[in-house]
């Protein structure tokens, strides 16, 4: 079994436990690619400010907000 798979299974188990305990709020976001020097400022990608908006949104939600989930740049919950 690949190390990555073992790691992600362990991570999911830890996140599930923490989610049930509600002792810590966990939110992950997948903002996708952004138009940067690293990809030659490809026009097909949104500007970094769009990714930053989603990151700031989830980082500043109250503690009783969503936890134990992943979100895309449009703030939609994504499946694990």
N, C-alpha and C. Protein backbone atom coordinates (compact mmCIF):
# COMPACT_ATOMS: atom_id res chain seq x y z
N UNK A 1 0.86 -1.18 0.00
CA UNK A 1 0.00 0.00 0.00
C UNK A 1 0.90 1.24 0.00
N UNK A 2 0.56 2.20 -0.78
CA UNK A 2 1.36 3.41 -0.89
C UNK A 2 1.38 4.19 0.41
N UNK A 3 2.52 4.83 0.68
CA UNK A 3 2.65 5.64 1.90
C UNK A 3 1.60 6.74 1.93
N UNK A 4 1.32 7.31 0.79
CA UNK A 4 0.33 8.39 0.72
C UNK A 4 -1.03 7.90 1.17
N UNK A 5 -1.41 6.71 0.72
CA UNK A 5 -2.72 6.17 1.09
C UNK A 5 -2.79 5.89 2.59
N UNK A 6 -1.73 5.32 3.14
CA UNK A 6 -1.70 5.06 4.59
C UNK A 6 -1.80 6.37 5.34
N UNK A 7 -1.04 7.38 4.92
CA UNK A 7 -1.07 8.68 5.57
C UNK A 7 -2.46 9.28 5.50
N UNK A 8 -3.10 9.25 4.32
CA UNK A 8 -4.41 9.89 4.21
C UNK A 8 -5.47 9.14 4.99
N UNK A 9 -5.37 7.82 5.09
CA UNK A 9 -6.33 7.07 5.90
C UNK A 9 -6.18 7.45 7.37
N UNK A 10 -4.94 7.58 7.83
CA UNK A 10 -4.70 7.99 9.21
C UNK A 10 -5.18 9.41 9.46
N UNK A 11 -4.95 10.28 8.51
CA UNK A 11 -5.39 11.67 8.64
C UNK A 11 -6.90 11.75 8.71
N UNK A 12 -7.60 11.01 7.87
CA UNK A 12 -9.06 11.00 7.89
C UNK A 12 -9.56 10.49 9.23
N UNK A 13 -8.95 9.45 9.77
CA UNK A 13 -9.37 8.91 11.07
C UNK A 13 -9.17 9.95 12.17
N UNK A 14 -8.05 10.64 12.15
CA UNK A 14 -7.79 11.68 13.15
C UNK A 14 -8.80 12.81 13.01
N UNK A 15 -9.06 13.25 11.79
CA UNK A 15 -10.03 14.33 11.57
C UNK A 15 -11.42 13.93 12.02
N UNK A 16 -11.82 12.69 11.77
CA UNK A 16 -13.13 12.22 12.22
C UNK A 16 -13.24 12.26 13.74
N UNK A 17 -12.19 11.83 14.42
CA UNK A 17 -12.19 11.85 15.89
C UNK A 17 -12.28 13.27 16.41
N UNK A 18 -11.47 14.17 15.86
CA UNK A 18 -11.50 15.56 16.30
C UNK A 18 -12.84 16.21 16.00
N UNK A 19 -13.44 15.86 14.88
CA UNK A 19 -14.74 16.41 14.51
C UNK A 19 -15.80 16.02 15.54
N UNK A 20 -15.76 14.78 16.00
CA UNK A 20 -16.74 14.31 16.98
C UNK A 20 -16.53 14.99 18.33
N UNK A 21 -15.28 15.24 18.69
CA UNK A 21 -14.99 15.86 19.98
C UNK A 21 -15.26 17.36 19.98
N UNK A 22 -15.21 17.98 18.81
CA UNK A 22 -15.41 19.43 18.66
C UNK A 22 -14.48 20.23 19.57
N UNK A 23 -13.28 19.69 19.81
CA UNK A 23 -12.30 20.43 20.60
C UNK A 23 -11.45 21.35 19.73
N UNK A 24 -11.53 21.12 18.45
CA UNK A 24 -10.77 21.93 17.51
C UNK A 24 -11.58 22.04 16.21
N UNK A 25 -11.53 23.18 15.58
CA UNK A 25 -12.25 23.37 14.32
C UNK A 25 -11.27 23.11 13.18
N UNK A 26 -11.68 22.25 12.26
CA UNK A 26 -10.82 21.89 11.13
C UNK A 26 -11.55 22.18 9.83
N UNK A 27 -10.92 23.00 9.01
CA UNK A 27 -11.48 23.30 7.69
C UNK A 27 -10.34 23.23 6.68
N UNK A 28 -10.60 22.60 5.58
CA UNK A 28 -9.61 22.56 4.50
C UNK A 28 -10.22 23.14 3.25
N UNK A 29 -9.40 23.80 2.47
CA UNK A 29 -9.94 24.33 1.23
C UNK A 29 -9.02 23.99 0.07
N UNK A 30 -9.62 23.74 -1.06
CA UNK A 30 -8.91 23.44 -2.30
C UNK A 30 -9.22 24.59 -3.24
N UNK A 31 -8.31 25.54 -3.29
CA UNK A 31 -8.57 26.73 -4.10
C UNK A 31 -8.17 26.54 -5.55
N UNK A 32 -7.51 25.44 -5.85
CA UNK A 32 -7.12 25.19 -7.23
C UNK A 32 -5.93 26.04 -7.65
N UNK A 33 -5.67 26.03 -8.93
CA UNK A 33 -4.55 26.80 -9.47
C UNK A 33 -4.91 28.28 -9.56
N UNK A 34 -3.89 29.10 -9.47
CA UNK A 34 -4.07 30.54 -9.61
C UNK A 34 -3.06 31.07 -10.63
N UNK A 35 -3.39 32.17 -11.22
CA UNK A 35 -2.53 32.81 -12.22
C UNK A 35 -1.30 33.40 -11.51
N UNK A 36 -0.16 32.72 -11.63
CA UNK A 36 1.07 33.17 -10.98
C UNK A 36 2.25 32.99 -11.93
N UNK A 37 3.40 33.48 -11.49
CA UNK A 37 4.63 33.30 -12.28
C UNK A 37 4.97 31.82 -12.45
N UNK A 38 4.58 30.99 -11.48
CA UNK A 38 4.93 29.57 -11.53
C UNK A 38 4.28 28.86 -12.73
N UNK A 39 3.15 29.37 -13.21
CA UNK A 39 2.50 28.76 -14.39
C UNK A 39 2.44 29.76 -15.54
N UNK A 40 3.45 30.62 -15.61
CA UNK A 40 3.56 31.62 -16.69
C UNK A 40 2.34 32.52 -16.80
N UNK A 41 1.71 32.81 -15.66
CA UNK A 41 0.54 33.69 -15.62
C UNK A 41 -0.54 33.28 -16.62
N UNK A 42 -0.81 32.00 -16.64
CA UNK A 42 -1.80 31.44 -17.56
C UNK A 42 -3.15 32.11 -17.34
N UNK A 43 -3.70 32.65 -18.40
CA UNK A 43 -4.96 33.40 -18.33
C UNK A 43 -6.15 32.53 -17.91
N UNK A 44 -6.06 31.22 -18.10
CA UNK A 44 -7.18 30.34 -17.78
C UNK A 44 -7.41 30.24 -16.27
N UNK A 45 -6.42 30.62 -15.47
CA UNK A 45 -6.53 30.49 -14.02
C UNK A 45 -6.96 31.82 -13.40
N UNK A 46 -7.70 31.77 -12.29
CA UNK A 46 -8.11 33.01 -11.62
C UNK A 46 -6.92 33.65 -10.90
N UNK A 47 -7.05 34.92 -10.55
CA UNK A 47 -5.96 35.60 -9.84
C UNK A 47 -5.81 35.04 -8.41
N UNK A 48 -4.64 35.17 -7.82
CA UNK A 48 -4.43 34.70 -6.45
C UNK A 48 -5.39 35.32 -5.45
N UNK A 49 -5.86 36.52 -5.71
CA UNK A 49 -6.79 37.17 -4.78
C UNK A 49 -8.08 36.37 -4.62
N UNK A 50 -8.50 35.65 -5.66
CA UNK A 50 -9.71 34.82 -5.56
C UNK A 50 -9.48 33.68 -4.57
N UNK A 51 -8.32 33.03 -4.65
CA UNK A 51 -7.99 31.97 -3.70
C UNK A 51 -7.90 32.55 -2.29
N UNK A 52 -7.31 33.71 -2.17
CA UNK A 52 -7.16 34.35 -0.86
C UNK A 52 -8.51 34.65 -0.24
N UNK A 53 -9.49 35.05 -1.03
CA UNK A 53 -10.82 35.35 -0.50
C UNK A 53 -11.42 34.12 0.16
N UNK A 54 -11.30 32.96 -0.47
CA UNK A 54 -11.86 31.73 0.10
C UNK A 54 -11.11 31.35 1.38
N UNK A 55 -9.79 31.47 1.36
CA UNK A 55 -8.99 31.13 2.54
C UNK A 55 -9.36 32.02 3.72
N UNK A 56 -9.45 33.31 3.49
CA UNK A 56 -9.82 34.25 4.56
C UNK A 56 -11.23 33.97 5.05
N UNK A 57 -12.15 33.67 4.14
CA UNK A 57 -13.53 33.36 4.53
C UNK A 57 -13.57 32.23 5.55
N UNK A 58 -12.90 31.12 5.25
CA UNK A 58 -12.96 29.97 6.15
C UNK A 58 -12.12 30.16 7.40
N UNK A 59 -11.04 30.92 7.30
CA UNK A 59 -10.21 31.16 8.47
C UNK A 59 -10.89 32.05 9.49
N UNK A 60 -11.85 32.85 9.06
CA UNK A 60 -12.49 33.80 9.96
C UNK A 60 -13.92 33.41 10.35
N UNK A 61 -14.36 32.22 9.98
CA UNK A 61 -15.68 31.77 10.41
C UNK A 61 -15.68 31.54 11.92
N UNK A 62 -16.84 31.67 12.57
CA UNK A 62 -16.89 31.42 14.01
C UNK A 62 -16.63 29.94 14.32
N UNK A 63 -16.27 29.67 15.57
CA UNK A 63 -15.95 28.30 15.99
C UNK A 63 -17.10 27.33 15.81
N UNK A 64 -18.33 27.82 15.83
CA UNK A 64 -19.47 26.91 15.67
C UNK A 64 -19.86 26.73 14.20
N UNK A 65 -19.02 27.23 13.30
CA UNK A 65 -19.24 27.06 11.87
C UNK A 65 -18.88 25.65 11.44
N UNK A 66 -18.85 25.40 10.14
CA UNK A 66 -18.57 24.05 9.65
C UNK A 66 -17.18 23.58 10.07
N UNK A 67 -17.07 22.29 10.35
CA UNK A 67 -15.80 21.71 10.76
C UNK A 67 -15.68 20.30 10.19
N UNK A 68 -14.46 19.86 9.96
CA UNK A 68 -14.23 18.51 9.47
C UNK A 68 -14.61 18.34 8.02
N UNK A 69 -14.45 19.38 7.22
CA UNK A 69 -14.86 19.31 5.82
C UNK A 69 -13.85 20.05 4.94
N UNK A 70 -13.89 19.73 3.66
CA UNK A 70 -13.09 20.42 2.65
C UNK A 70 -14.02 21.26 1.79
N UNK A 71 -13.52 22.40 1.31
CA UNK A 71 -14.33 23.31 0.52
C UNK A 71 -13.55 23.75 -0.72
N UNK A 72 -14.29 24.08 -1.78
CA UNK A 72 -13.64 24.59 -2.99
C UNK A 72 -13.60 26.11 -2.93
N UNK A 73 -13.06 26.73 -3.96
CA UNK A 73 -12.90 28.18 -3.97
C UNK A 73 -14.23 28.93 -4.03
N UNK A 74 -15.30 28.21 -4.38
CA UNK A 74 -16.64 28.81 -4.41
C UNK A 74 -17.37 28.60 -3.09
N UNK A 75 -16.64 28.06 -2.08
CA UNK A 75 -17.16 27.82 -0.73
C UNK A 75 -18.16 26.68 -0.66
N UNK A 76 -18.11 25.76 -1.64
CA UNK A 76 -18.96 24.57 -1.64
C UNK A 76 -18.21 23.43 -0.96
N UNK A 77 -18.93 22.65 -0.14
CA UNK A 77 -18.29 21.51 0.51
C UNK A 77 -17.94 20.45 -0.53
N UNK A 78 -16.74 19.89 -0.38
CA UNK A 78 -16.26 18.85 -1.30
C UNK A 78 -16.24 17.51 -0.57
N UNK A 79 -16.49 16.42 -1.28
CA UNK A 79 -16.41 15.10 -0.63
C UNK A 79 -14.96 14.77 -0.28
N UNK A 80 -14.80 13.94 0.73
CA UNK A 80 -13.46 13.49 1.10
C UNK A 80 -12.98 12.63 0.00
